[in-house]
Amino acid sequence: MNTLTSTFGAYIKEVSSLSRSSTLITSENVFQEAAKEIRPYLDKMVEELILPGSGVDGYENLKELYDLAKSGKSCLLLPEHYSNMDLSLLTYLVDRAGEEGEEISNSIIAIAGMKLNEDNPVVSAFASAYSRIVICPSRSFQTLDPEKDKAEILRANTINRSAMKAVIRCKYKGHLILIFPSGTRYRPGDPSTKRGVRETDSYIRSFDYMCLAAIKGQVLHVRPGDMMDDEVTHDKVRISFSPVINCTEFRDRVRAEAEERGVPDGDEKKQAVADAIMEELERMHHDS
C-alpha cells in the first residue's frame, strides 16, 4: 500500500522545512493566509496522482459565482469531502479550467477544523498552502464533558467567535468561502460521516449565493490513524459545479417542505437544510 508518507517523502521534508504554520490555534490567529511557497508541492502531488481525463464540469457556474463575489455579494462553495486532498484537487483543476481559473482558486478561503493545524505538524505544513479560517468543529464538542472540560469548551467557543468575525470580514471582499457541509471526510461503512452538519444551515442563512461541488474520483483514501498514512492511488477526477443557487430561496424552500412534514423549528429544521445539501451533492455525484 502506498501512503502519503511513503510516496511523497521528499516533498514532506521540503515542505516541513519551509513551513511557518502555527500548530497552536488561538483567537488571534484563526485566519491563516496561504503560504504561496508551499502550494506548488501540493500541485505536483495532484499532477502525479490524477489520470488523463481529469477536469472540471460546470466551470461557467463557478465563474458566475465568482463574478457575484467580485460584485460584493457573499458567496459559498460547498464541496463533497472524501480526503484531505479535496481542496488541492479543486484548486489545481480550477486553475486550469479557464482564463480566470487561477484568480478564482486564489479567491477561495476554506473553513478548516483545528485538527489540521494541531494534530500533526506535517499536515499543518501542507494545509498552510491555502488560506483558511480555523474553527473548532461541532463534532469535537460531542466528546467533551461540560463539567470536566470547561477550559477546553471555553477555548473552543472563543476560537469559533473569532472565526465567525473573520468570516464576516472576508465574505464581502471578493472571496469564495468554502465549507465542507459534512464537516468531516467520508469513511466507507460509516454513513454518519456523509451526513450534513447543522452549522451548514447557519452559513447558508448568512450568505447570498452558493454553488455545490461534486467530486468523482479519489486519489487519497482515509485510513485509521495518522492522516499522513492515508492511502494514495491514481484516478481520474472530475469536479462538477452546480448552477448558482440563491441561498435564501433554497433555505426557505427546504424549511417550508420540512414544515409540511411536521418538522419542528430549531435544530431539526437546521438539520433538514444540511440534509438537503447532502442529498443534492449525492445526486450530482451520481449524475456527473
Protein backbone atom coordinates (compact mmCIF):
# COMPACT_ATOMS: atom_id res chain seq x y z
CA MET A 1 0.00 0.00 0.00
CA ASN A 2 1.30 3.45 -0.94
CA THR A 3 0.76 6.20 1.61
CA LEU A 4 1.33 9.94 1.59
CA THR A 5 4.45 9.40 3.67
CA SER A 6 5.95 6.63 1.53
CA THR A 7 5.05 8.25 -1.81
CA PHE A 8 5.89 11.88 -1.12
CA GLY A 9 8.67 11.66 1.45
CA ALA A 10 10.90 14.13 -0.41
CA TYR A 11 8.11 16.71 -0.66
CA ILE A 12 7.31 16.25 3.03
CA LYS A 13 10.88 17.12 4.01
CA GLU A 14 10.95 20.22 1.82
CA VAL A 15 7.53 21.46 2.92
CA SER A 16 8.35 20.88 6.58
CA SER A 17 11.48 22.97 6.23
CA LEU A 18 9.55 25.80 4.57
CA SER A 19 6.51 25.83 6.84
CA ARG A 20 5.81 28.65 9.25
CA SER A 21 2.35 27.31 10.07
CA SER A 22 1.18 27.69 13.66
CA THR A 23 0.39 24.40 15.39
CA LEU A 24 -1.50 26.18 18.17
CA ILE A 25 -4.71 27.99 17.27
CA THR A 26 -5.84 30.96 19.35
CA SER A 27 -8.48 33.62 18.90
CA GLU A 28 -5.73 35.82 17.43
CA ASN A 29 -4.67 33.58 14.52
CA VAL A 30 -7.87 31.92 13.27
CA PHE A 31 -7.27 33.48 9.84
CA GLN A 32 -4.34 31.71 8.21
CA GLU A 33 -3.19 33.28 4.96
CA ALA A 34 -1.93 30.96 2.23
CA ALA A 35 1.79 30.21 2.13
CA LYS A 36 2.41 30.59 -1.60
CA GLU A 37 5.77 28.83 -1.46
CA ILE A 38 4.06 25.61 -0.33
CA ARG A 39 1.23 25.45 -2.85
CA PRO A 40 3.46 24.17 -5.75
CA TYR A 41 4.22 21.00 -3.80
CA LEU A 42 0.53 20.18 -3.48
CA ASP A 43 0.08 20.90 -7.19
CA LYS A 44 2.90 18.47 -8.00
CA MET A 45 1.30 15.80 -5.84
CA VAL A 46 -2.01 16.21 -7.65
CA GLU A 47 -0.24 16.15 -11.02
CA GLU A 48 1.40 12.85 -10.15
CA LEU A 49 -1.83 11.20 -8.98
CA ILE A 50 -4.60 12.26 -11.38
CA LEU A 51 -5.15 10.41 -14.63
CA PRO A 52 -5.89 11.81 -18.11
CA GLY A 53 -9.47 12.99 -18.43
CA SER A 54 -9.46 14.74 -15.06
CA GLY A 55 -11.02 18.19 -15.05
CA VAL A 56 -13.95 20.44 -14.23
CA ASP A 57 -17.59 20.40 -15.31
CA GLY A 58 -19.78 23.46 -14.87
CA TYR A 59 -16.88 25.90 -14.81
CA GLU A 60 -19.25 28.58 -16.10
CA ASN A 61 -21.31 28.17 -12.92
CA LEU A 62 -18.25 28.70 -10.72
CA LYS A 63 -17.29 31.72 -12.81
CA GLU A 64 -20.77 33.17 -12.30
CA LEU A 65 -20.44 32.68 -8.53
CA TYR A 66 -17.06 34.39 -8.55
CA ASP A 67 -18.44 37.32 -10.55
CA LEU A 68 -21.15 37.72 -7.91
CA ALA A 69 -18.47 37.68 -5.19
CA LYS A 70 -16.50 40.37 -7.01
CA SER A 71 -19.67 42.48 -7.21
CA GLY A 72 -19.92 42.48 -3.41
CA LYS A 73 -22.21 39.51 -2.80
CA SER A 74 -21.36 36.90 -0.17
CA CYS A 75 -20.76 33.53 -1.81
CA LEU A 76 -20.34 29.97 -0.56
CA LEU A 77 -18.72 26.95 -2.16
CA LEU A 78 -19.88 23.60 -0.74
CA PRO A 79 -17.96 20.52 -1.96
CA GLU A 80 -18.21 16.87 -1.08
CA HIS A 81 -15.45 15.72 1.26
CA TYR A 82 -13.58 12.46 0.71
CA SER A 83 -9.99 13.25 1.66
CA ASN A 84 -7.51 15.88 2.75
CA MET A 85 -6.62 16.38 -0.93
CA ASP A 86 -10.09 17.59 -1.95
CA LEU A 87 -9.10 21.26 -1.76
CA SER A 88 -5.84 20.56 -3.62
CA LEU A 89 -7.71 18.75 -6.38
CA LEU A 90 -10.30 21.52 -6.65
CA THR A 91 -7.82 24.40 -6.82
CA TYR A 92 -5.49 22.57 -9.20
CA LEU A 93 -8.26 21.67 -11.65
CA VAL A 94 -9.96 25.08 -11.42
CA ASP A 95 -6.59 26.78 -12.09
CA ARG A 96 -6.51 25.05 -15.46
CA ALA A 97 -10.21 25.20 -16.34
CA GLY A 98 -10.48 28.70 -17.79
CA GLU A 99 -8.88 32.10 -18.26
CA GLU A 100 -9.77 33.25 -14.74
CA GLY A 101 -9.25 29.86 -13.14
CA GLU A 102 -6.18 30.81 -11.15
CA GLU A 103 -7.80 34.03 -9.94
CA ILE A 104 -10.87 32.11 -8.82
CA SER A 105 -8.92 29.43 -6.97
CA ASN A 106 -6.82 32.08 -5.21
CA SER A 107 -10.02 33.76 -4.00
CA ILE A 108 -11.07 30.68 -2.01
CA ILE A 109 -10.90 30.77 1.76
CA ALA A 110 -11.65 27.41 3.37
CA ILE A 111 -13.26 26.87 6.74
CA ALA A 112 -10.97 24.28 8.35
CA GLY A 113 -11.01 22.32 11.59
CA MET A 114 -8.33 22.83 14.23
CA LYS A 115 -7.20 19.23 13.77
CA LEU A 116 -5.40 20.13 10.53
CA ASN A 117 -3.21 22.58 12.43
CA GLU A 118 -2.78 20.95 15.80
CA ASP A 119 -2.66 17.16 15.37
CA ASN A 120 0.35 16.78 13.08
CA PRO A 121 2.94 19.45 12.13
CA VAL A 122 3.38 17.90 8.66
CA VAL A 123 -0.37 18.04 7.97
CA SER A 124 -0.33 21.61 9.27
CA ALA A 125 2.50 22.48 6.89
CA PHE A 126 0.64 21.17 3.85
CA ALA A 127 -2.65 22.79 4.94
CA SER A 128 -0.86 26.14 5.07
CA ALA A 129 -0.74 26.17 1.26
CA TYR A 130 -4.31 27.50 1.28
CA SER A 131 -5.99 30.44 3.00
CA ARG A 132 -8.12 29.19 5.88
CA ILE A 133 -10.32 30.31 8.72
CA VAL A 134 -9.85 27.80 11.53
CA ILE A 135 -12.75 26.65 13.70
CA CYS A 136 -13.43 24.06 16.38
CA PRO A 137 -15.99 21.79 14.63
CA SER A 138 -19.19 20.79 16.36
CA ARG A 139 -18.15 17.13 16.19
CA SER A 140 -15.29 17.96 18.57
CA PHE A 141 -17.76 19.17 21.20
CA GLN A 142 -19.51 15.80 21.22
CA THR A 143 -16.59 14.19 23.08
CA LEU A 144 -16.28 16.93 25.70
CA ASP A 145 -17.75 16.72 29.20
CA PRO A 146 -19.42 20.02 30.22
CA GLU A 147 -18.08 19.63 33.77
CA LYS A 148 -14.62 18.17 33.22
CA ASP A 149 -13.71 20.05 30.04
CA LYS A 150 -14.82 23.60 30.88
CA ALA A 151 -11.49 25.15 29.89
CA GLU A 152 -11.42 23.37 26.52
CA ILE A 153 -15.04 24.30 25.81
CA LEU A 154 -14.30 27.94 26.67
CA ARG A 155 -11.27 27.90 24.36
CA ALA A 156 -13.30 26.35 21.52
CA ASN A 157 -16.11 28.88 21.88
CA THR A 158 -13.64 31.77 21.92
CA ILE A 159 -11.95 30.48 18.77
CA ASN A 160 -15.29 30.00 16.99
CA ARG A 161 -16.45 33.52 17.83
CA SER A 162 -13.22 34.91 16.39
CA ALA A 163 -13.62 32.68 13.33
CA MET A 164 -17.11 33.99 12.64
CA LYS A 165 -15.82 37.56 12.86
CA ALA A 166 -13.13 36.62 10.32
CA VAL A 167 -15.80 35.18 8.00
CA ILE A 168 -17.76 38.43 8.22
CA ARG A 169 -14.62 40.43 7.37
CA CYS A 170 -13.83 38.28 4.34
CA LYS A 171 -17.15 37.37 2.79
CA TYR A 172 -17.86 40.69 1.08
CA LYS A 173 -14.35 41.17 -0.31
CA GLY A 174 -14.49 39.03 -3.44
CA HIS A 175 -13.74 35.71 -1.73
CA LEU A 176 -15.46 32.38 -2.12
CA ILE A 177 -15.89 30.90 1.35
CA LEU A 178 -15.55 27.13 1.14
CA ILE A 179 -17.14 24.84 3.70
CA PHE A 180 -17.45 21.07 3.66
CA PRO A 181 -21.11 20.53 4.65
CA SER A 182 -20.40 17.05 6.02
CA GLY A 183 -17.84 18.55 8.41
CA THR A 184 -15.55 15.54 8.02
CA ARG A 185 -14.12 13.20 5.42
CA TYR A 186 -16.40 10.37 4.28
CA ARG A 187 -15.42 6.97 5.65
CA PRO A 188 -16.90 3.99 3.81
CA GLY A 189 -19.06 1.95 6.13
CA ASP A 190 -19.84 4.93 8.36
CA PRO A 191 -22.84 6.77 6.86
CA SER A 192 -22.77 9.35 9.67
CA THR A 193 -19.65 10.86 8.07
CA LYS A 194 -21.69 11.73 4.97
CA ARG A 195 -24.46 13.49 6.87
CA GLY A 196 -24.51 17.27 6.79
CA VAL A 197 -23.75 19.15 10.00
CA ARG A 198 -26.34 21.61 11.32
CA GLU A 199 -23.89 24.52 11.13
CA THR A 200 -24.28 24.36 7.34
CA ASP A 201 -27.70 25.99 7.78
CA SER A 202 -26.16 28.93 9.64
CA TYR A 203 -23.75 29.62 6.77
CA ILE A 204 -26.49 29.39 4.16
CA ARG A 205 -28.68 31.72 6.21
CA SER A 206 -25.97 34.41 6.26
CA PHE A 207 -24.78 34.21 2.63
CA ASP A 208 -26.31 35.40 -0.64
CA TYR A 209 -25.36 32.72 -3.18
CA MET A 210 -23.75 29.30 -3.33
CA CYS A 211 -22.52 26.55 -5.64
CA LEU A 212 -22.24 22.88 -4.75
CA ALA A 213 -19.31 20.79 -5.96
CA ALA A 214 -19.44 17.04 -6.51
CA ILE A 215 -16.12 15.19 -6.60
CA LYS A 216 -15.98 11.99 -8.63
CA GLY A 217 -12.76 10.01 -8.35
CA GLN A 218 -10.33 9.72 -5.44
CA VAL A 219 -6.56 9.82 -5.21
CA LEU A 220 -6.39 9.66 -1.42
CA HIS A 221 -8.27 7.24 0.82
CA VAL A 222 -8.82 7.69 4.55
CA ARG A 223 -7.06 5.13 6.72
CA PRO A 224 -7.23 4.68 10.51
CA GLY A 225 -4.53 6.50 12.44
CA ASP A 226 -2.26 9.32 11.28
CA MET A 227 -3.50 11.37 8.33
CA MET A 228 -0.12 11.08 6.63
CA ASP A 229 -0.71 7.33 6.42
CA ASP A 230 -3.77 7.74 4.18
CA GLU A 231 -3.52 5.60 1.03
CA VAL A 232 -2.70 7.24 -2.30
CA THR A 233 -3.94 5.90 -5.64
CA HIS A 234 -4.14 7.08 -9.22
CA ASP A 235 -7.58 8.02 -10.55
CA LYS A 236 -9.43 10.24 -12.98
CA VAL A 237 -11.01 13.07 -11.01
CA ARG A 238 -13.92 15.16 -12.26
CA ILE A 239 -15.31 18.04 -10.20
CA SER A 240 -18.80 19.25 -11.13
CA PHE A 241 -20.12 22.65 -10.05
CA SER A 242 -23.86 23.21 -9.72
CA PRO A 243 -25.67 26.22 -11.13
CA VAL A 244 -25.59 29.22 -8.78
CA ILE A 245 -28.19 28.88 -6.03
CA ASN A 246 -29.85 31.74 -4.17
CA CYS A 247 -29.24 30.86 -0.51
CA THR A 248 -32.40 32.48 0.86
CA GLU A 249 -34.66 30.86 -1.73
CA PHE A 250 -33.08 27.43 -1.17
CA ARG A 251 -33.30 27.65 2.61
CA ASP A 252 -36.88 28.97 2.60
CA ARG A 253 -37.99 26.16 0.28
CA VAL A 254 -36.37 23.41 2.33
CA ARG A 255 -37.73 24.77 5.59
CA ALA A 256 -41.23 25.08 4.12
CA GLU A 257 -41.07 21.45 2.94
CA ALA A 258 -39.85 20.41 6.39
CA GLU A 259 -42.76 22.33 7.94
CA GLU A 260 -45.19 20.37 5.80
CA ARG A 261 -43.67 17.13 7.08
CA GLY A 262 -44.19 18.29 10.66
CA VAL A 263 -40.51 19.00 11.41
CA PRO A 264 -40.35 21.35 14.43
CA ASP A 265 -38.40 24.61 14.48
CA GLY A 266 -34.90 24.66 15.90
CA ASP A 267 -32.16 22.11 15.34
CA GLU A 268 -34.42 19.78 13.36
CA LYS A 269 -35.10 22.44 10.71
CA LYS A 270 -31.39 23.29 10.57
CA GLN A 271 -30.62 19.62 10.04
CA ALA A 272 -33.21 19.46 7.26
CA VAL A 273 -31.31 22.18 5.36
CA ALA A 274 -27.98 20.39 5.84
CA ASP A 275 -29.58 17.10 4.74
CA ALA A 276 -30.97 18.76 1.59
CA ILE A 277 -27.48 19.95 0.64
CA MET A 278 -26.04 16.47 1.05
CA GLU A 279 -28.89 14.91 -0.94
CA GLU A 280 -28.22 17.30 -3.82
CA LEU A 281 -24.48 16.58 -3.69
CA GLU A 282 -25.20 12.85 -3.78
CA ARG A 283 -27.44 13.32 -6.82
CA MET A 284 -24.77 15.40 -8.56
CA HIS A 285 -22.12 12.79 -7.72
CA HIS A 286 -24.01 10.02 -9.46
CA ASP A 287 -25.16 12.21 -12.36
CA SER A 288 -21.68 13.56 -13.11
